[in-house]
Amino acid sequence: MSDLVVTQIRSAIGNKPVHRGTLRALGLGRIGKSNTLPDRPEIQGMIRKVAHLIRVEPVEGA
């Protein structure tokens, strides 16, 4: 199974509380912070919910 690097690129200020909670669940909290997560359906759903706030890249060389 592959991994994804998720990086927050926009602020959560002004977004719905559900979106802020989703960012927290992804391990993000401020602009520029990154987290490596497994590519699972649950994670993909969270990524789709906050796609306007994050950048997703595949992990290379894993």
Protein backbone atom coordinates (compact mmCIF):
# COMPACT_ATOMS: atom_id res chain seq x y z
CA MET A 1 0.00 0.00 0.00
CA SER A 2 1.34 3.43 -0.89
CA ASP A 3 1.58 6.54 1.24
CA LEU A 4 0.61 10.16 0.62
CA VAL A 5 2.22 13.38 1.83
CA VAL A 6 -0.51 15.85 2.75
CA THR A 7 0.49 19.52 3.19
CA GLN A 8 -1.77 22.32 4.36
CA ILE A 9 -1.50 25.27 1.94
CA ARG A 10 -4.43 27.47 3.02
CA SER A 11 -5.74 28.67 6.36
CA ALA A 12 -8.72 27.02 8.04
CA ILE A 13 -9.94 30.40 9.32
CA GLY A 14 -13.37 31.14 7.91
CA ASN A 15 -14.11 27.50 7.10
CA LYS A 16 -16.71 25.30 8.73
CA PRO A 17 -15.86 23.62 12.05
CA VAL A 18 -16.20 20.25 10.32
CA HIS A 19 -13.40 21.20 7.92
CA ARG A 20 -11.17 22.37 10.78
CA GLY A 21 -11.76 19.06 12.54
CA THR A 22 -10.91 17.13 9.39
CA LEU A 23 -7.59 18.99 9.12
CA ARG A 24 -6.86 18.05 12.76
CA ALA A 25 -7.71 14.41 12.01
CA LEU A 26 -5.24 14.50 9.11
CA GLY A 27 -2.56 15.74 11.54
CA LEU A 28 -2.45 19.28 10.18
CA GLY A 29 -2.93 22.53 12.03
CA ARG A 30 -1.07 25.34 10.33
CA ILE A 31 0.00 26.40 6.88
CA GLY A 32 3.07 24.55 5.65
CA LYS A 33 2.71 21.57 7.99
CA SER A 34 2.92 18.14 6.32
CA ASN A 35 1.99 14.63 7.34
CA THR A 36 2.54 11.24 5.72
CA LEU A 37 -0.59 9.11 5.67
CA PRO A 38 -1.52 5.71 4.20
CA ASP A 39 -3.57 5.71 1.01
CA ARG A 40 -6.78 4.23 2.42
CA PRO A 41 -10.44 4.95 1.59
CA GLU A 42 -11.01 6.74 4.93
CA ILE A 43 -8.08 9.07 4.29
CA GLN A 44 -9.18 9.67 0.68
CA GLY A 45 -12.61 10.77 1.95
CA MET A 46 -11.06 13.25 4.39
CA ILE A 47 -8.78 14.57 1.63
CA ARG A 48 -11.77 15.17 -0.66
CA LYS A 49 -13.57 17.07 2.11
CA VAL A 50 -10.74 19.61 2.53
CA ALA A 51 -9.18 19.47 -0.95
CA HIS A 52 -9.35 23.28 -1.23
CA LEU A 53 -7.02 23.65 1.79
CA ILE A 54 -4.35 21.01 1.13
CA ARG A 55 -1.89 19.65 -1.43
CA VAL A 56 -1.46 15.88 -1.81
CA GLU A 57 1.62 14.18 -3.28
CA PRO A 58 2.58 10.50 -3.45
CA VAL A 59 5.60 9.37 -1.42
CA GLU A 60 8.52 8.65 -3.70
CA GLY A 61 10.90 5.76 -3.20
CA ALA A 62 8.77 3.87 -0.69
